[in-house]
């Protein structure tokens, strides 16, 4: 269940990032950060 919740949270975060018009550099940084956090929590 925890993995499913994490995946759902990640999807929500991605949707939120897409809704906010960030400059590509910031978006890329946040994407890498989110990936790093997701990997670490596995």
Protein backbone atom coordinates (compact mmCIF):
# COMPACT_ATOMS: atom_id res chain seq x y z
CA UNK A 1 0.00 0.00 0.00
CA UNK A 2 2.83 2.38 0.84
CA UNK A 3 4.36 2.04 -2.62
CA UNK A 4 1.00 2.82 -4.22
CA UNK A 5 0.60 5.88 -1.99
CA UNK A 6 4.10 7.07 -2.90
CA UNK A 7 3.39 6.63 -6.61
CA UNK A 8 0.12 8.54 -6.22
CA UNK A 9 1.86 11.36 -4.36
CA UNK A 10 4.51 11.51 -7.07
CA UNK A 11 1.82 11.73 -9.76
CA UNK A 12 0.14 14.56 -7.84
CA UNK A 13 3.48 16.36 -7.52
CA UNK A 14 4.11 16.01 -11.26
CA UNK A 15 0.63 17.39 -12.01
CA UNK A 16 1.30 20.32 -9.68
CA UNK A 17 4.64 21.02 -11.36
CA UNK A 18 3.00 20.99 -14.78
CA UNK A 19 0.28 23.33 -13.57
CA UNK A 20 2.87 25.84 -12.39
CA UNK A 21 4.80 27.34 -15.28
CA UNK A 22 8.38 26.95 -14.08
CA UNK A 23 11.49 27.79 -16.01
CA UNK A 24 13.02 24.57 -17.44
CA UNK A 25 16.05 24.68 -15.14
CA UNK A 26 13.94 24.81 -11.97
CA UNK A 27 11.55 22.16 -13.27
CA UNK A 28 14.48 19.87 -14.08
CA UNK A 29 15.99 20.39 -10.63
CA UNK A 30 12.70 19.61 -8.88
CA UNK A 31 12.19 16.55 -11.08
CA UNK A 32 15.65 15.23 -10.16
CA UNK A 33 15.00 15.98 -6.49
CA UNK A 34 11.67 14.14 -6.56
CA UNK A 35 13.31 11.16 -8.27
CA UNK A 36 16.11 11.13 -5.69
CA UNK A 37 13.64 11.20 -2.79
CA UNK A 38 11.52 8.45 -4.36
CA UNK A 39 14.61 6.26 -4.90
CA UNK A 40 15.81 6.83 -1.34
CA UNK A 41 12.45 5.87 0.18
CA UNK A 42 12.36 2.48 -1.59
